């Protein structure tokens, strides 16, 4: 009898153990599902309550995964995987459309996906391009539909004195070189001063304490850093070559040499209403005068700012922009002359 009772108890204990394991597994799975669902729902929520639009360009052929990563990197959505899971669950992958959109971090993932599937691209964009003189920015804004009078009012510097970027501008100087190149959204009621204010605000954000400290380490004020960056922007087309060109100009300044920049000479002539020429004598002609010109000569991109802040560790003293878009560097006048004759025919004859 005792043996039989023992045989009956063992299966009951085993059954209880299996039941307990099953319950634990169910609880763990349920908890995991609840946690995953919570993380998924949270991932679909807006990044924050900032309603300022950011321009996002989705390239043709971009996969849903690539789009998700791009939007997450630009802080338009909270979670790339939540974006992908929603798109997959709704079978929307093939409906996401390429184009230029204006999104804000306050929209949320579902609203962003809805815009992408409808192809509701933004058409009311105003773009300030890198390497543009202030008079060219003015013409671009007028071409975008703003009245000349409104644009002229918007380009008056005094009204933006509250912005950090204006703190570096000498009194009486224009906004030349202080507008950060980017695309900005407008509607029928937008005044061009709003576009200018947004652009100046962006420049202030790019002129970080770290960047200014790097300028200072090169014995440049923030405004002088902008001046030199604008020359780099106009002289060197490939961002990869800009740090070396910055080194050339900084080395020349330290050696007391003239910068010898054609683009500064051209700017001075244009400013005076003359035909662009390297021989026109103005304060901007660094082929005739040592030191920096009195103001920047164009809008500047971040790559030019970074080039001045972090010049290459090289010993070049000359460079020439070739007709092929490549910048050729040298250490002596003889080498420079040889490279100019070999690589610069069309550009150097202009």
Protein backbone atom coordinates (compact mmCIF):
# COMPACT_ATOMS: atom_id res chain seq x y z
CA UNK A 1 0.00 0.00 0.00
CA UNK A 2 2.76 2.41 0.88
CA UNK A 3 4.45 1.81 -2.45
CA UNK A 4 1.22 2.60 -4.34
CA UNK A 5 0.69 5.83 -2.47
CA UNK A 6 4.23 6.91 -3.30
CA UNK A 7 3.60 6.23 -6.98
CA UNK A 8 0.46 8.40 -6.93
CA UNK A 9 2.11 11.35 -5.17
CA UNK A 10 5.01 11.66 -7.64
CA UNK A 11 2.89 12.48 -10.71
CA UNK A 12 0.94 15.05 -8.70
CA UNK A 13 4.13 16.83 -7.67
CA UNK A 14 5.41 16.74 -11.22
CA UNK A 15 2.11 18.07 -12.50
CA UNK A 16 2.15 20.92 -9.99
CA UNK A 17 5.71 21.77 -10.98
CA UNK A 18 4.81 21.79 -14.67
CA UNK A 19 1.76 23.90 -13.95
CA UNK A 20 3.81 26.37 -11.99
CA UNK A 21 6.39 26.61 -14.78
CA UNK A 22 3.62 27.11 -17.31
CA UNK A 23 2.07 29.88 -15.21
CA UNK A 24 5.44 31.60 -14.85
CA UNK A 25 6.02 31.34 -18.60
CA UNK A 26 2.59 32.79 -19.31
CA UNK A 27 3.25 35.63 -16.88
CA UNK A 28 6.64 36.33 -18.41
CA UNK A 29 5.25 36.24 -21.93
CA UNK A 30 2.32 38.42 -20.95
CA UNK A 31 4.63 40.83 -19.18
CA UNK A 32 6.91 40.92 -22.21
CA UNK A 33 3.96 41.56 -24.51
CA UNK A 34 2.68 44.34 -22.26
CA UNK A 35 6.16 45.88 -22.05
CA UNK A 36 6.67 45.63 -25.82
CA UNK A 37 3.24 47.12 -26.45
CA UNK A 38 3.97 49.96 -24.07
CA UNK A 39 7.33 50.61 -25.76
CA UNK A 40 5.67 50.47 -29.18
CA UNK A 41 2.92 52.92 -28.20
CA UNK A 42 5.50 55.23 -26.63
CA UNK A 43 7.59 55.02 -29.78
CA UNK A 44 4.68 56.32 -31.85
CA UNK A 45 4.26 59.43 -29.70
CA UNK A 46 5.63 62.86 -30.69
CA UNK A 47 9.28 63.55 -29.90
CA UNK A 48 8.34 66.76 -28.09
CA UNK A 49 5.97 69.72 -28.38
CA UNK A 50 8.19 71.75 -30.73
CA UNK A 51 6.02 72.84 -33.67
CA UNK A 52 8.88 74.34 -35.71
CA UNK A 53 9.03 72.59 -39.08
CA UNK A 54 12.12 70.82 -40.33
CA UNK A 55 12.64 70.15 -44.02
CA UNK A 56 13.22 66.47 -44.80
CA UNK A 57 14.01 65.09 -48.24
CA UNK A 58 13.21 61.41 -48.84
CA UNK A 59 15.24 60.13 -51.76
CA UNK A 60 13.60 57.96 -54.47
CA UNK A 61 14.01 54.26 -53.79
CA UNK A 62 14.43 54.67 -50.03
CA UNK A 63 13.25 51.62 -48.07
CA UNK A 64 10.96 51.96 -45.07
CA UNK A 65 13.94 51.04 -42.89
CA UNK A 66 16.09 53.80 -44.41
CA UNK A 67 13.27 56.32 -44.03
CA UNK A 68 12.75 55.32 -40.41
CA UNK A 69 16.45 55.73 -39.59
CA UNK A 70 16.59 59.10 -41.36
CA UNK A 71 13.57 60.46 -39.50
CA UNK A 72 14.87 59.19 -36.17
CA UNK A 73 18.30 60.72 -36.81
CA UNK A 74 16.65 64.07 -37.53
CA UNK A 75 14.54 63.75 -34.36
CA UNK A 76 11.25 63.77 -36.27
CA UNK A 77 10.16 60.45 -34.75
CA UNK A 78 10.96 58.77 -31.45
CA UNK A 79 11.65 55.23 -32.64
CA UNK A 80 12.77 53.78 -35.97
CA UNK A 81 11.58 50.28 -35.06
CA UNK A 82 8.14 51.53 -34.00
CA UNK A 83 7.89 53.34 -37.36
CA UNK A 84 8.83 50.15 -39.23
CA UNK A 85 6.47 47.96 -37.20
CA UNK A 86 3.54 50.31 -37.84
CA UNK A 87 4.30 50.49 -41.57
CA UNK A 88 4.60 46.68 -41.74
CA UNK A 89 1.43 46.05 -39.73
CA UNK A 90 -0.58 48.36 -41.99
CA UNK A 91 1.15 47.11 -45.17
CA UNK A 92 2.15 50.65 -46.10
CA UNK A 93 5.74 50.01 -47.17
CA UNK A 94 5.05 50.40 -50.89
CA UNK A 95 2.99 53.55 -50.33
CA UNK A 96 5.72 55.70 -48.76
CA UNK A 97 6.59 58.38 -51.30
CA UNK A 98 9.81 60.24 -52.01
CA UNK A 99 9.90 64.03 -51.93
CA UNK A 100 10.65 67.05 -49.75
CA UNK A 101 8.47 67.34 -46.65
CA UNK A 102 8.12 69.71 -43.73
CA UNK A 103 7.73 67.85 -40.43
CA UNK A 104 7.81 68.99 -36.83
CA UNK A 105 8.76 66.91 -33.77
CA UNK A 106 5.27 67.52 -32.36
CA UNK A 107 3.43 65.50 -35.02
CA UNK A 108 3.95 61.89 -33.94
CA UNK A 109 4.85 58.86 -36.04
CA UNK A 110 1.36 58.02 -37.32
CA UNK A 111 0.83 61.57 -38.64
CA UNK A 112 4.26 61.53 -40.29
CA UNK A 113 3.50 58.22 -42.01
CA UNK A 114 0.14 59.54 -43.18
CA UNK A 115 1.87 62.51 -44.79
CA UNK A 116 4.43 60.23 -46.45
CA UNK A 117 1.80 57.90 -47.89
CA UNK A 118 -0.24 60.79 -49.25
CA UNK A 119 2.86 62.36 -50.77
CA UNK A 120 1.94 65.71 -49.24
CA UNK A 121 5.23 67.33 -50.18
CA UNK A 122 5.93 70.90 -49.20
CA UNK A 123 6.11 73.36 -52.06
CA UNK A 124 6.30 76.63 -50.13
CA UNK A 125 10.01 76.56 -49.43
CA UNK A 126 12.47 79.44 -49.41
CA UNK A 127 16.10 78.40 -49.76
CA UNK A 128 19.16 80.45 -48.86
CA UNK A 129 22.07 78.84 -50.66
CA UNK A 130 25.71 78.56 -49.52
CA UNK A 131 28.16 80.92 -51.19
CA UNK A 132 25.60 83.64 -51.99
CA UNK A 133 26.30 87.34 -51.55
CA UNK A 134 23.71 89.39 -49.68
CA UNK A 135 22.55 91.04 -52.92
CA UNK A 136 22.04 87.57 -54.41
CA UNK A 137 20.04 86.47 -51.34
CA UNK A 138 17.91 89.60 -51.86
CA UNK A 139 17.28 88.67 -55.51
CA UNK A 140 16.45 85.07 -54.54
CA UNK A 141 13.88 86.22 -51.98
CA UNK A 142 12.24 88.51 -54.54
CA UNK A 143 12.13 85.58 -57.00
CA UNK A 144 10.40 83.57 -54.26
CA UNK A 145 7.51 86.04 -54.38
CA UNK A 146 8.38 88.60 -51.71
CA UNK A 147 8.14 92.27 -52.65
CA UNK A 148 11.41 94.21 -53.03
CA UNK A 149 10.33 96.68 -50.34
CA UNK A 150 9.56 93.87 -47.86
CA UNK A 151 12.88 92.17 -48.59
CA UNK A 152 14.81 95.40 -48.12
CA UNK A 153 13.12 95.93 -44.76
CA UNK A 154 13.86 92.33 -43.77
CA UNK A 155 17.58 92.74 -44.51
CA UNK A 156 17.98 95.68 -42.12
CA UNK A 157 20.26 94.33 -39.41
CA UNK A 158 19.13 96.51 -36.48
CA UNK A 159 15.85 94.63 -35.98
CA UNK A 160 17.69 91.41 -35.10
CA UNK A 161 19.89 92.83 -32.34
CA UNK A 162 18.38 90.35 -29.87
CA UNK A 163 19.84 87.34 -31.72
CA UNK A 164 23.22 85.87 -30.64
CA UNK A 165 24.68 85.92 -34.17
CA UNK A 166 24.38 89.71 -34.29
CA UNK A 167 26.60 90.10 -31.21
CA UNK A 168 29.67 89.34 -33.36
CA UNK A 169 28.89 91.86 -36.11
CA UNK A 170 30.70 95.23 -35.93
CA UNK A 171 28.32 98.19 -35.67
CA UNK A 172 27.18 99.49 -39.01
CA UNK A 173 27.97 96.31 -40.97
CA UNK A 174 25.30 94.52 -42.97
CA UNK A 175 24.08 90.93 -42.57
CA UNK A 176 26.64 89.73 -45.12
CA UNK A 177 27.93 86.32 -44.05
CA UNK A 178 25.60 86.00 -41.05
CA UNK A 179 22.70 84.22 -42.77
CA UNK A 180 22.91 80.46 -42.40
CA UNK A 181 22.06 78.61 -45.66
CA UNK A 182 19.02 76.33 -45.33
CA UNK A 183 15.44 75.83 -46.57
CA UNK A 184 12.63 77.57 -44.74
CA UNK A 185 8.88 77.12 -45.02
CA UNK A 186 6.59 80.01 -45.94
CA UNK A 187 2.91 80.60 -46.64
CA UNK A 188 0.91 83.49 -48.05
CA UNK A 189 1.19 85.45 -44.81
CA UNK A 190 4.91 84.96 -44.16
CA UNK A 191 6.98 88.13 -44.01
CA UNK A 192 10.58 87.75 -45.29
CA UNK A 193 11.83 89.00 -41.92
CA UNK A 194 10.65 85.68 -40.46
CA UNK A 195 12.88 83.80 -42.92
CA UNK A 196 15.83 86.06 -42.13
CA UNK A 197 15.29 85.67 -38.37
CA UNK A 198 15.19 81.87 -38.67
CA UNK A 199 18.36 81.89 -40.74
CA UNK A 200 20.19 84.16 -38.26
CA UNK A 201 18.99 81.97 -35.40
CA UNK A 202 20.50 78.92 -37.09
CA UNK A 203 23.80 80.72 -37.53
CA UNK A 204 23.80 81.48 -33.82
CA UNK A 205 23.28 77.78 -33.11
CA UNK A 206 26.22 76.84 -35.34
CA UNK A 207 28.55 79.37 -33.70
CA UNK A 208 28.95 77.17 -30.65
CA UNK A 209 31.31 78.00 -27.77
CA UNK A 210 33.54 75.16 -28.98
CA UNK A 211 33.71 76.61 -32.50
CA UNK A 212 34.46 80.09 -31.18
CA UNK A 213 37.18 78.68 -28.93
CA UNK A 214 38.74 77.00 -31.97
CA UNK A 215 38.66 80.33 -33.84
CA UNK A 216 40.32 82.00 -30.85
CA UNK A 217 43.07 79.37 -30.84
CA UNK A 218 43.88 80.58 -34.37
CA UNK A 219 43.90 84.21 -33.12
CA UNK A 220 40.61 84.93 -34.88
CA UNK A 221 37.55 86.65 -33.49
CA UNK A 222 34.22 85.01 -34.27
CA UNK A 223 33.55 87.58 -36.99
CA UNK A 224 37.01 87.04 -38.49
CA UNK A 225 36.31 83.31 -38.49
CA UNK A 226 33.17 84.02 -40.51
CA UNK A 227 35.12 86.19 -42.93
CA UNK A 228 37.70 83.49 -43.56
CA UNK A 229 35.02 80.79 -43.78
CA UNK A 230 33.22 82.79 -46.48
CA UNK A 231 36.42 82.98 -48.53
CA UNK A 232 36.86 79.21 -48.19
CA UNK A 233 33.23 78.72 -49.25
CA UNK A 234 33.80 80.62 -52.49
CA UNK A 235 37.31 79.37 -53.24
CA UNK A 236 36.94 75.62 -52.63
CA UNK A 237 34.06 73.59 -54.05
CA UNK A 238 34.84 70.24 -52.40
CA UNK A 239 34.26 70.18 -48.62
CA UNK A 240 37.05 67.57 -48.29
CA UNK A 241 39.61 70.15 -49.52
CA UNK A 242 38.53 72.99 -47.26
CA UNK A 243 40.58 72.15 -44.16
CA UNK A 244 43.77 72.25 -46.27
CA UNK A 245 42.76 75.55 -47.86
CA UNK A 246 42.05 76.94 -44.38
CA UNK A 247 45.55 75.93 -43.34
CA UNK A 248 46.99 77.84 -46.33
CA UNK A 249 45.18 81.06 -45.43
CA UNK A 250 45.98 80.78 -41.71
CA UNK A 251 49.65 80.12 -42.49
CA UNK A 252 49.73 83.16 -44.77
CA UNK A 253 48.17 85.37 -42.10
CA UNK A 254 50.75 84.22 -39.53
CA UNK A 255 53.57 84.83 -42.01
CA UNK A 256 52.32 88.33 -42.83
CA UNK A 257 51.63 87.34 -46.44
CA UNK A 258 48.70 88.51 -48.51
CA UNK A 259 45.88 85.97 -48.79
CA UNK A 260 45.96 86.39 -52.57
CA UNK A 261 42.32 85.38 -53.00
CA UNK A 262 40.68 86.13 -56.35
CA UNK A 263 37.17 85.88 -54.91
CA UNK A 264 37.75 88.69 -52.42
CA UNK A 265 39.00 90.93 -55.22
CA UNK A 266 35.92 90.06 -57.30
CA UNK A 267 33.63 90.85 -54.35
CA UNK A 268 35.15 94.31 -53.88
CA UNK A 269 34.66 95.11 -57.54
CA UNK A 270 31.06 93.88 -57.57
CA UNK A 271 30.29 95.85 -54.41
CA UNK A 272 31.49 98.99 -56.21
CA UNK A 273 29.37 98.22 -59.25
CA UNK A 274 32.37 97.28 -61.36
CA UNK A 275 33.14 94.26 -63.52
CA UNK A 276 34.72 91.51 -61.37
CA UNK A 277 38.47 91.89 -61.61
CA UNK A 278 41.55 90.88 -59.61
CA UNK A 279 43.08 94.28 -60.32
CA UNK A 280 40.30 96.48 -58.95
CA UNK A 281 41.69 98.18 -55.84
CA UNK A 282 39.41 97.93 -52.82
CA UNK A 283 39.68 97.00 -49.17
CA UNK A 284 38.53 93.53 -50.23
CA UNK A 285 41.36 92.89 -52.68
CA UNK A 286 43.63 90.49 -50.79
CA UNK A 287 45.91 90.32 -53.82
CA UNK A 288 46.84 93.94 -53.15
CA UNK A 289 46.42 94.26 -49.36
CA UNK A 290 47.48 92.11 -46.41
CA UNK A 291 45.06 90.90 -43.76
CA UNK A 292 41.41 89.96 -43.98
CA UNK A 293 38.75 91.89 -45.91
CA UNK A 294 36.44 94.03 -43.75
CA UNK A 295 33.38 91.69 -43.94
CA UNK A 296 32.45 88.18 -45.06
CA UNK A 297 31.82 87.89 -48.78
CA UNK A 298 29.03 85.27 -48.83
CA UNK A 299 26.89 82.86 -46.83
CA UNK A 300 28.85 79.97 -45.32
CA UNK A 301 28.11 76.30 -44.78
CA UNK A 302 29.09 74.31 -41.72
CA UNK A 303 31.93 72.57 -43.59
CA UNK A 304 33.66 75.92 -44.15
CA UNK A 305 33.19 76.93 -40.51
CA UNK A 306 34.64 73.60 -39.39
CA UNK A 307 37.57 73.97 -41.80
CA UNK A 308 38.61 77.23 -40.13
CA UNK A 309 38.10 75.74 -36.67
CA UNK A 310 40.04 72.58 -37.54
CA UNK A 311 42.58 73.34 -40.29
CA UNK A 312 44.67 70.52 -41.71
CA UNK A 313 48.13 69.84 -40.26
CA UNK A 314 49.96 70.57 -43.52
CA UNK A 315 52.54 73.12 -44.67
CA UNK A 316 51.03 74.35 -47.94
CA UNK A 317 51.27 78.05 -48.81
CA UNK A 318 49.47 78.02 -52.17
CA UNK A 319 46.49 76.41 -53.84
CA UNK A 320 44.62 76.71 -57.10
CA UNK A 321 41.12 75.51 -57.97
CA UNK A 322 41.35 73.37 -61.08
CA UNK A 323 38.81 73.28 -63.89
CA UNK A 324 37.97 69.71 -62.78
CA UNK A 325 36.77 70.89 -59.35
CA UNK A 326 39.87 69.61 -57.56
CA UNK A 327 41.99 71.94 -55.44
CA UNK A 328 45.74 71.60 -56.01
CA UNK A 329 48.10 72.53 -53.17
CA UNK A 330 51.79 73.46 -53.22
CA UNK A 331 54.51 74.90 -51.00
CA UNK A 332 56.36 77.19 -53.43
CA UNK A 333 55.42 79.84 -55.96
CA UNK A 334 57.11 77.81 -58.69
CA UNK A 335 55.01 74.73 -57.94
CA UNK A 336 51.89 76.87 -57.76
CA UNK A 337 52.56 78.47 -61.14
CA UNK A 338 53.13 75.04 -62.70
CA UNK A 339 49.86 73.67 -61.28
CA UNK A 340 47.98 76.76 -62.42
CA UNK A 341 49.24 76.31 -65.99
CA UNK A 342 48.44 72.59 -65.93
CA UNK A 343 45.05 72.46 -64.21
CA UNK A 344 43.46 75.91 -64.40
CA UNK A 345 42.64 77.17 -67.88
CA UNK A 346 38.96 78.12 -67.97
CA UNK A 347 38.62 79.26 -64.35
CA UNK A 348 41.86 81.21 -64.32
CA UNK A 349 40.96 83.06 -67.49
CA UNK A 350 37.67 84.36 -66.08
